[in-house]
N, C-alpha and C. Protein backbone atom coordinates (compact mmCIF):
# COMPACT_ATOMS: atom_id res chain seq x y z
N MET A 1 177.74 120.23 105.90
CA MET A 1 177.02 120.74 104.77
C MET A 1 176.56 122.16 105.11
N GLU A 2 177.14 123.13 104.51
CA GLU A 2 176.86 124.51 104.86
C GLU A 2 175.45 124.94 104.53
N SER A 3 174.90 124.43 103.43
CA SER A 3 173.57 124.86 103.01
C SER A 3 172.46 124.25 103.84
N MET A 4 172.80 123.33 104.69
CA MET A 4 171.77 122.67 105.47
C MET A 4 171.39 123.53 106.66
N GLU A 5 170.09 123.59 106.92
CA GLU A 5 169.62 124.42 108.02
C GLU A 5 170.04 123.85 109.37
N LYS A 6 169.87 122.54 109.55
CA LYS A 6 170.25 121.90 110.80
C LYS A 6 170.94 120.59 110.47
N ASN A 7 171.94 120.26 111.26
CA ASN A 7 172.56 118.96 111.04
C ASN A 7 171.77 117.89 111.80
N TRP A 8 172.05 116.65 111.45
CA TRP A 8 171.26 115.55 112.00
C TRP A 8 171.33 115.50 113.52
N SER A 9 172.50 115.68 114.10
CA SER A 9 172.62 115.57 115.56
C SER A 9 171.77 116.61 116.27
N SER A 10 171.67 117.83 115.74
CA SER A 10 170.83 118.84 116.40
C SER A 10 169.35 118.52 116.25
N VAL A 11 168.94 117.96 115.10
CA VAL A 11 167.55 117.56 114.90
C VAL A 11 167.19 116.44 115.87
N ARG A 12 168.08 115.45 115.96
CA ARG A 12 167.86 114.31 116.87
C ARG A 12 167.79 114.77 118.32
N ASP A 13 168.75 115.59 118.73
CA ASP A 13 168.79 116.05 120.13
C ASP A 13 167.59 116.93 120.47
N GLU A 14 167.16 117.74 119.52
CA GLU A 14 165.98 118.58 119.75
C GLU A 14 164.75 117.70 119.96
N TRP A 15 164.60 116.66 119.14
CA TRP A 15 163.46 115.74 119.31
C TRP A 15 163.53 115.04 120.66
N LEU A 16 164.72 114.56 121.02
CA LEU A 16 164.87 113.87 122.30
C LEU A 16 164.49 114.77 123.48
N SER A 17 164.78 116.05 123.36
CA SER A 17 164.45 116.96 124.47
C SER A 17 162.98 117.35 124.48
N LYS A 18 162.30 117.29 123.33
CA LYS A 18 160.91 117.74 123.25
C LYS A 18 159.87 116.63 123.34
N THR A 19 160.26 115.40 123.04
CA THR A 19 159.26 114.34 123.00
C THR A 19 158.67 114.08 124.38
N THR A 20 157.42 113.70 124.39
CA THR A 20 156.75 113.39 125.65
C THR A 20 156.92 111.93 126.04
N LEU A 21 157.59 111.18 125.18
CA LEU A 21 157.83 109.77 125.47
C LEU A 21 158.91 109.62 126.54
N ALA A 22 158.88 108.50 127.23
CA ALA A 22 159.91 108.21 128.23
C ALA A 22 161.27 108.17 127.55
N THR A 23 162.30 108.60 128.25
CA THR A 23 163.65 108.65 127.70
C THR A 23 164.08 107.30 127.17
N GLU A 24 163.80 106.24 127.92
CA GLU A 24 164.18 104.89 127.50
C GLU A 24 163.55 104.53 126.15
N LEU A 25 162.28 104.87 125.96
CA LEU A 25 161.61 104.58 124.69
C LEU A 25 162.17 105.44 123.56
N SER A 26 162.42 106.69 123.85
CA SER A 26 162.97 107.59 122.83
C SER A 26 164.33 107.11 122.35
N LEU A 27 165.18 106.74 123.28
CA LEU A 27 166.51 106.26 122.92
C LEU A 27 166.43 104.93 122.18
N TRP A 28 165.49 104.08 122.57
CA TRP A 28 165.28 102.81 121.87
C TRP A 28 164.91 103.06 120.41
N ALA A 29 164.03 104.01 120.18
CA ALA A 29 163.59 104.31 118.82
C ALA A 29 164.70 104.98 118.01
N VAL A 30 165.40 105.92 118.62
CA VAL A 30 166.46 106.64 117.90
C VAL A 30 167.61 105.70 117.54
N ASP A 31 167.72 104.60 118.27
CA ASP A 31 168.73 103.60 117.95
C ASP A 31 168.57 103.07 116.53
N SER A 32 167.36 103.14 115.99
CA SER A 32 167.15 102.66 114.63
C SER A 32 167.90 103.51 113.60
N LEU A 33 168.29 104.72 114.00
CA LEU A 33 169.05 105.57 113.10
C LEU A 33 170.53 105.65 113.48
N ASN A 34 170.86 105.27 114.70
CA ASN A 34 172.23 105.42 115.19
C ASN A 34 173.27 104.72 114.32
N LYS A 35 172.94 103.55 113.80
CA LYS A 35 173.92 102.81 113.00
C LYS A 35 174.21 103.51 111.69
N ASN A 36 173.36 104.46 111.30
CA ASN A 36 173.55 105.19 110.05
C ASN A 36 174.04 106.62 110.27
N GLU A 37 174.27 106.99 111.52
CA GLU A 37 174.66 108.37 111.80
C GLU A 37 175.98 108.77 111.13
N ASN A 38 176.95 107.88 111.13
CA ASN A 38 178.22 108.23 110.47
C ASN A 38 178.00 108.53 109.00
N GLU A 39 177.16 107.73 108.34
CA GLU A 39 176.87 107.97 106.92
C GLU A 39 176.13 109.30 106.73
N ILE A 40 175.22 109.61 107.65
CA ILE A 40 174.49 110.89 107.58
C ILE A 40 175.48 112.05 107.70
N TYR A 41 176.39 111.97 108.68
CA TYR A 41 177.37 113.04 108.88
C TYR A 41 178.30 113.17 107.68
N GLN A 42 178.69 112.03 107.11
CA GLN A 42 179.54 112.07 105.91
C GLN A 42 178.80 112.75 104.76
N LEU A 43 177.52 112.45 104.62
CA LEU A 43 176.73 113.07 103.57
C LEU A 43 176.65 114.58 103.79
N GLU A 44 176.45 114.99 105.03
CA GLU A 44 176.41 116.42 105.35
C GLU A 44 177.74 117.09 104.98
N ASP A 45 178.84 116.40 105.28
CA ASP A 45 180.16 116.97 105.04
C ASP A 45 180.51 117.10 103.56
N ILE A 46 180.05 116.16 102.75
CA ILE A 46 180.46 116.15 101.35
C ILE A 46 179.44 116.77 100.41
N ALA A 47 178.30 117.20 100.91
CA ALA A 47 177.20 117.64 100.05
C ALA A 47 177.59 118.76 99.09
N ASN A 48 178.45 119.66 99.50
CA ASN A 48 178.82 120.78 98.63
C ASN A 48 179.97 120.45 97.69
N ASN A 49 180.61 119.29 97.88
CA ASN A 49 181.81 118.97 97.12
C ASN A 49 181.65 117.82 96.14
N ARG A 50 180.48 117.22 96.07
CA ARG A 50 180.30 116.04 95.23
C ARG A 50 179.20 116.25 94.20
N PRO A 51 179.28 115.52 93.10
CA PRO A 51 178.21 115.62 92.09
C PRO A 51 176.88 115.15 92.69
N GLU A 52 175.81 115.77 92.21
CA GLU A 52 174.49 115.45 92.75
C GLU A 52 174.13 113.98 92.60
N ILE A 53 174.52 113.38 91.51
CA ILE A 53 174.18 111.96 91.28
C ILE A 53 174.80 111.07 92.35
N GLU A 54 176.03 111.38 92.74
CA GLU A 54 176.71 110.59 93.78
C GLU A 54 176.01 110.80 95.12
N LEU A 55 175.67 112.04 95.43
CA LEU A 55 174.97 112.33 96.68
C LEU A 55 173.61 111.65 96.71
N HIS A 56 172.92 111.67 95.57
CA HIS A 56 171.61 111.04 95.48
C HIS A 56 171.71 109.54 95.76
N GLU A 57 172.72 108.90 95.20
CA GLU A 57 172.90 107.46 95.41
C GLU A 57 173.23 107.16 96.86
N LYS A 58 174.08 107.95 97.47
CA LYS A 58 174.41 107.76 98.88
C LYS A 58 173.18 107.95 99.76
N LEU A 59 172.38 108.97 99.46
CA LEU A 59 171.17 109.23 100.24
C LEU A 59 170.18 108.08 100.10
N LYS A 60 170.04 107.55 98.90
CA LYS A 60 169.13 106.41 98.69
C LYS A 60 169.52 105.23 99.56
N ILE A 61 170.82 104.98 99.64
CA ILE A 61 171.32 103.86 100.44
C ILE A 61 171.03 104.11 101.93
N ILE A 62 171.32 105.33 102.39
CA ILE A 62 171.06 105.68 103.80
C ILE A 62 169.57 105.58 104.10
N ARG A 63 168.74 106.16 103.24
CA ARG A 63 167.30 106.16 103.45
C ARG A 63 166.77 104.73 103.55
N LYS A 64 167.22 103.88 102.64
CA LYS A 64 166.77 102.49 102.62
C LYS A 64 167.19 101.77 103.91
N ALA A 65 168.40 102.00 104.36
CA ALA A 65 168.90 101.36 105.59
C ALA A 65 168.11 101.83 106.81
N ILE A 66 167.81 103.12 106.86
CA ILE A 66 167.06 103.67 107.99
C ILE A 66 165.64 103.10 108.02
N LYS A 67 164.97 103.12 106.89
CA LYS A 67 163.60 102.59 106.83
C LYS A 67 163.58 101.10 107.18
N GLN A 68 164.58 100.35 106.72
CA GLN A 68 164.65 98.92 107.02
C GLN A 68 164.85 98.70 108.51
N LYS A 69 165.70 99.49 109.14
CA LYS A 69 165.96 99.33 110.57
C LYS A 69 164.72 99.66 111.38
N ILE A 70 163.96 100.68 110.96
CA ILE A 70 162.72 101.01 111.66
C ILE A 70 161.73 99.86 111.54
N ILE A 71 161.63 99.27 110.37
CA ILE A 71 160.74 98.12 110.17
C ILE A 71 161.19 96.94 111.04
N GLU A 72 162.49 96.69 111.08
CA GLU A 72 163.00 95.60 111.91
C GLU A 72 162.67 95.82 113.38
N LYS A 73 162.82 97.04 113.85
CA LYS A 73 162.49 97.33 115.25
C LYS A 73 161.01 97.12 115.52
N GLU A 74 160.17 97.49 114.55
CA GLU A 74 158.74 97.28 114.73
C GLU A 74 158.42 95.79 114.78
N TYR A 75 159.07 95.01 113.95
CA TYR A 75 158.86 93.55 113.98
C TYR A 75 159.30 92.95 115.31
N GLU A 76 160.36 93.51 115.90
CA GLU A 76 160.84 93.03 117.20
C GLU A 76 159.78 93.17 118.28
N LEU A 77 158.87 94.13 118.12
CA LEU A 77 157.84 94.34 119.12
C LEU A 77 156.90 93.14 119.25
N ASP A 78 156.71 92.44 118.15
CA ASP A 78 155.79 91.32 118.14
C ASP A 78 156.55 90.03 118.40
N ASP A 79 157.06 89.91 119.61
CA ASP A 79 157.85 88.72 119.93
C ASP A 79 156.98 87.56 120.40
N LEU A 80 155.68 87.68 120.19
CA LEU A 80 154.78 86.61 120.58
C LEU A 80 154.49 85.65 119.44
N SER A 81 154.77 86.05 118.21
CA SER A 81 154.53 85.19 117.05
C SER A 81 155.47 85.57 115.92
N LEU A 82 155.38 84.84 114.82
CA LEU A 82 156.23 85.13 113.66
C LEU A 82 155.54 86.05 112.68
N ASN A 83 154.34 86.50 112.98
CA ASN A 83 153.57 87.36 112.07
C ASN A 83 154.07 88.79 112.12
N SER A 84 153.74 89.52 111.07
CA SER A 84 154.06 90.93 110.99
C SER A 84 153.41 91.68 112.15
N ALA A 85 154.06 92.74 112.60
CA ALA A 85 153.52 93.54 113.70
C ALA A 85 152.30 94.34 113.26
N ASN A 86 152.10 94.52 111.96
CA ASN A 86 151.01 95.36 111.48
C ASN A 86 149.65 94.66 111.49
N SER A 87 149.60 93.41 111.15
CA SER A 87 148.34 92.69 111.15
C SER A 87 148.59 91.20 111.15
N ALA A 88 147.58 90.47 111.54
CA ALA A 88 147.67 89.01 111.55
C ALA A 88 146.32 88.46 111.13
N LYS A 89 146.36 87.36 110.45
CA LYS A 89 145.14 86.70 110.06
C LYS A 89 144.69 85.82 111.21
N LEU A 90 143.43 85.89 111.54
CA LEU A 90 142.89 85.12 112.65
C LEU A 90 141.62 84.43 112.16
N GLN A 91 141.56 83.15 112.35
CA GLN A 91 140.37 82.41 111.95
C GLN A 91 139.64 81.97 113.21
N VAL A 92 138.36 82.29 113.29
CA VAL A 92 137.56 81.90 114.44
C VAL A 92 136.28 81.23 113.96
N SER A 93 135.75 80.39 114.79
CA SER A 93 134.45 79.77 114.51
C SER A 93 133.42 80.44 115.40
N VAL A 94 132.31 80.83 114.81
CA VAL A 94 131.24 81.48 115.59
C VAL A 94 129.95 80.70 115.35
N PRO A 95 129.07 80.76 116.32
CA PRO A 95 127.77 80.10 116.13
C PRO A 95 127.05 80.69 114.91
N SER A 96 126.24 79.89 114.26
CA SER A 96 125.57 80.32 113.03
C SER A 96 124.69 81.54 113.25
N SER A 97 124.09 81.66 114.42
CA SER A 97 123.24 82.83 114.67
C SER A 97 124.06 84.13 114.71
N LEU A 98 125.26 84.08 115.31
CA LEU A 98 126.13 85.26 115.32
C LEU A 98 126.63 85.57 113.92
N ASN A 99 126.95 84.54 113.17
CA ASN A 99 127.38 84.72 111.79
C ASN A 99 126.27 85.39 110.99
N TYR A 100 125.06 84.94 111.18
CA TYR A 100 123.91 85.53 110.47
C TYR A 100 123.74 87.00 110.85
N LEU A 101 123.84 87.29 112.14
CA LEU A 101 123.70 88.67 112.61
C LEU A 101 124.78 89.56 111.98
N MET A 102 126.03 89.09 111.97
CA MET A 102 127.10 89.89 111.39
C MET A 102 126.93 90.06 109.88
N LYS A 103 126.46 89.02 109.19
CA LYS A 103 126.20 89.13 107.75
C LYS A 103 125.10 90.14 107.47
N ALA A 104 124.04 90.10 108.29
CA ALA A 104 122.94 91.06 108.11
C ALA A 104 123.43 92.48 108.38
N TRP A 105 124.26 92.64 109.41
CA TRP A 105 124.84 93.94 109.75
C TRP A 105 125.68 94.45 108.58
N ALA A 106 126.55 93.58 108.06
CA ALA A 106 127.41 93.97 106.94
C ALA A 106 126.57 94.37 105.72
N ALA A 107 125.54 93.59 105.42
CA ALA A 107 124.68 93.90 104.27
C ALA A 107 123.95 95.21 104.49
N ALA A 108 123.45 95.43 105.70
CA ALA A 108 122.70 96.65 106.00
C ALA A 108 123.56 97.90 105.83
N GLU A 109 124.85 97.79 106.11
CA GLU A 109 125.74 98.95 106.03
C GLU A 109 126.61 98.95 104.79
N GLY A 110 126.43 97.95 103.92
CA GLY A 110 127.22 97.88 102.69
C GLY A 110 128.69 97.63 102.96
N ARG A 111 128.99 96.89 104.00
CA ARG A 111 130.37 96.57 104.38
C ARG A 111 130.62 95.11 104.12
N ASP A 112 131.89 94.72 104.17
CA ASP A 112 132.14 93.29 104.07
C ASP A 112 132.17 92.68 105.47
N LEU A 113 131.96 91.38 105.50
CA LEU A 113 131.83 90.66 106.76
C LEU A 113 133.07 90.80 107.63
N SER A 114 134.25 90.79 107.02
CA SER A 114 135.47 90.87 107.82
C SER A 114 135.59 92.21 108.56
N SER A 115 135.12 93.31 107.97
CA SER A 115 135.21 94.59 108.67
C SER A 115 134.24 94.63 109.86
N VAL A 116 133.07 94.01 109.70
CA VAL A 116 132.12 93.94 110.82
C VAL A 116 132.70 93.05 111.92
N ALA A 117 133.28 91.92 111.54
CA ALA A 117 133.87 91.02 112.53
C ALA A 117 135.00 91.71 113.29
N LEU A 118 135.83 92.47 112.57
CA LEU A 118 136.91 93.20 113.22
C LEU A 118 136.36 94.24 114.19
N GLN A 119 135.33 94.94 113.79
CA GLN A 119 134.73 95.93 114.69
C GLN A 119 134.20 95.27 115.95
N CYS A 120 133.55 94.12 115.79
CA CYS A 120 133.05 93.39 116.95
C CYS A 120 134.19 92.99 117.88
N LEU A 121 135.26 92.50 117.30
CA LEU A 121 136.42 92.08 118.08
C LEU A 121 137.03 93.28 118.82
N GLU A 122 137.19 94.40 118.12
CA GLU A 122 137.75 95.60 118.75
C GLU A 122 136.89 96.09 119.91
N ILE A 123 135.59 96.17 119.67
CA ILE A 123 134.67 96.65 120.72
C ILE A 123 134.70 95.70 121.92
N GLY A 124 134.68 94.40 121.62
CA GLY A 124 134.71 93.41 122.71
C GLY A 124 135.99 93.48 123.52
N LEU A 125 137.12 93.59 122.83
CA LEU A 125 138.40 93.67 123.55
C LEU A 125 138.51 94.94 124.38
N ARG A 126 138.04 96.05 123.83
CA ARG A 126 138.08 97.30 124.61
C ARG A 126 137.19 97.21 125.84
N ALA A 127 136.02 96.60 125.69
CA ALA A 127 135.12 96.44 126.84
C ALA A 127 135.76 95.52 127.88
N MET A 128 136.37 94.44 127.43
CA MET A 128 137.03 93.52 128.36
C MET A 128 138.20 94.20 129.06
N LYS A 129 138.92 95.02 128.33
CA LYS A 129 140.06 95.74 128.92
C LYS A 129 139.57 96.69 130.00
N SER A 130 138.50 97.44 129.70
CA SER A 130 138.00 98.41 130.68
C SER A 130 137.42 97.74 131.91
N LYS A 131 136.92 96.52 131.76
CA LYS A 131 136.36 95.79 132.90
C LYS A 131 137.42 95.03 133.68
N GLY A 132 138.63 95.01 133.18
CA GLY A 132 139.71 94.29 133.86
C GLY A 132 139.70 92.80 133.59
N SER A 133 139.05 92.37 132.52
CA SER A 133 138.95 90.94 132.20
C SER A 133 140.20 90.39 131.51
N ILE A 134 141.04 91.27 131.00
CA ILE A 134 142.27 90.83 130.32
C ILE A 134 143.40 90.89 131.35
N PRO A 135 144.26 89.88 131.40
CA PRO A 135 145.34 89.88 132.40
C PRO A 135 146.20 91.15 132.32
N THR A 136 146.56 91.65 133.46
CA THR A 136 147.35 92.87 133.58
C THR A 136 148.66 92.77 132.80
N ALA A 137 149.31 91.62 132.86
CA ALA A 137 150.58 91.45 132.15
C ALA A 137 150.39 91.65 130.64
N ALA A 138 149.28 91.16 130.11
CA ALA A 138 149.01 91.33 128.68
C ALA A 138 148.78 92.80 128.35
N ILE A 139 148.05 93.50 129.21
CA ILE A 139 147.78 94.92 128.99
C ILE A 139 149.07 95.73 129.07
N GLU A 140 149.93 95.41 130.03
CA GLU A 140 151.20 96.12 130.16
C GLU A 140 152.06 95.93 128.92
N ARG A 141 152.15 94.70 128.41
CA ARG A 141 152.92 94.46 127.18
C ARG A 141 152.33 95.22 126.01
N TYR A 142 151.01 95.23 125.92
CA TYR A 142 150.31 95.95 124.85
C TYR A 142 150.63 97.44 124.92
N ASP A 143 150.55 98.02 126.12
CA ASP A 143 150.82 99.45 126.29
C ASP A 143 152.26 99.81 125.91
N ILE A 144 153.21 98.98 126.31
CA ILE A 144 154.61 99.23 125.97
C ILE A 144 154.81 99.15 124.46
N ALA A 145 154.21 98.15 123.82
CA ALA A 145 154.34 98.01 122.36
C ALA A 145 153.74 99.23 121.66
N CYS A 146 152.61 99.73 122.15
CA CYS A 146 151.99 100.92 121.56
C CYS A 146 152.91 102.13 121.69
N GLN A 147 153.50 102.31 122.86
CA GLN A 147 154.41 103.43 123.06
C GLN A 147 155.64 103.32 122.16
N LYS A 148 156.14 102.12 121.97
CA LYS A 148 157.31 101.93 121.10
C LYS A 148 156.94 102.21 119.65
N ARG A 149 155.74 101.82 119.23
CA ARG A 149 155.32 102.12 117.85
C ARG A 149 155.20 103.63 117.65
N ILE A 150 154.72 104.32 118.66
CA ILE A 150 154.64 105.79 118.58
C ILE A 150 156.05 106.37 118.48
N ALA A 151 156.98 105.86 119.27
CA ALA A 151 158.36 106.35 119.24
C ALA A 151 158.97 106.12 117.85
N LEU A 152 158.75 104.94 117.27
CA LEU A 152 159.28 104.68 115.92
C LEU A 152 158.65 105.61 114.89
N ALA A 153 157.36 105.86 115.02
CA ALA A 153 156.69 106.78 114.09
C ALA A 153 157.28 108.18 114.22
N GLU A 154 157.56 108.62 115.44
CA GLU A 154 158.15 109.94 115.65
C GLU A 154 159.56 110.01 115.06
N VAL A 155 160.34 108.96 115.25
CA VAL A 155 161.70 108.95 114.69
C VAL A 155 161.64 108.98 113.17
N ASN A 156 160.74 108.20 112.61
CA ASN A 156 160.57 108.21 111.16
C ASN A 156 160.18 109.62 110.69
N ASN A 157 159.33 110.27 111.45
CA ASN A 157 158.89 111.62 111.12
C ASN A 157 160.03 112.63 111.20
N ILE A 158 160.87 112.53 112.23
CA ILE A 158 161.98 113.50 112.31
C ILE A 158 162.98 113.26 111.20
N TRP A 159 163.17 112.01 110.78
CA TRP A 159 164.06 111.75 109.64
C TRP A 159 163.48 112.38 108.39
N ASP A 160 162.18 112.17 108.15
CA ASP A 160 161.53 112.74 106.97
C ASP A 160 161.62 114.27 106.98
N LYS A 161 161.40 114.88 108.15
CA LYS A 161 161.49 116.35 108.26
C LYS A 161 162.93 116.81 108.03
N TYR A 162 163.87 116.06 108.56
CA TYR A 162 165.28 116.40 108.37
C TYR A 162 165.61 116.41 106.88
N GLU A 163 165.19 115.37 106.20
CA GLU A 163 165.45 115.29 104.76
C GLU A 163 164.81 116.46 104.02
N SER A 164 163.54 116.72 104.29
CA SER A 164 162.84 117.76 103.52
C SER A 164 163.30 119.17 103.91
N SER A 165 163.52 119.43 105.19
CA SER A 165 163.92 120.79 105.58
C SER A 165 165.32 121.12 105.11
N ASN A 166 166.13 120.13 104.95
CA ASN A 166 167.50 120.35 104.53
C ASN A 166 167.68 120.10 103.03
N GLN A 167 166.61 119.74 102.39
CA GLN A 167 166.58 119.53 100.95
C GLN A 167 167.60 118.52 100.47
N ILE A 168 168.01 117.58 101.31
CA ILE A 168 168.92 116.55 100.83
C ILE A 168 168.17 115.50 100.03
N HIS A 169 166.85 115.51 100.12
CA HIS A 169 166.07 114.55 99.33
C HIS A 169 166.05 114.93 97.85
N LYS A 170 166.50 116.11 97.51
CA LYS A 170 166.48 116.56 96.10
C LYS A 170 167.75 116.23 95.36
N PHE A 171 168.70 115.55 96.00
CA PHE A 171 169.95 115.20 95.30
C PHE A 171 169.63 114.30 94.14
């Protein structure tokens, strides 16, 4: 595609050389786009020779496939349960006095009880992590999952930038 500022391979390679993530993580994340690279290159090649409506339809298909693959990779990170990697519902029983304290806290700040409970859980887990109370293996898995989520977010970002800088999103 002559009108494009950069082709996909140069955008991808530039990101791989500049990212601060470990090479293994970067390549793992970029793999979410690798299966669609041939389609991306074909789109680049035909962009000046095809009607805009056809290009737009092809881009929609590629975009959908890429976003779906990124989501699938993110779900793969949570291999400990069948729940979504983004959030999980957790039901806990607490003593009535703690429940009362959290309700009073929520009322005092105009928040709902679940946001106060989540804040308590986050603060408690961070304190336990800093004290070494959480098993090292769990912390290591958590850290790797966080790094992989960052890698997927960066890959998603370079795809979005590629689309917008090359104006292929306007087909």
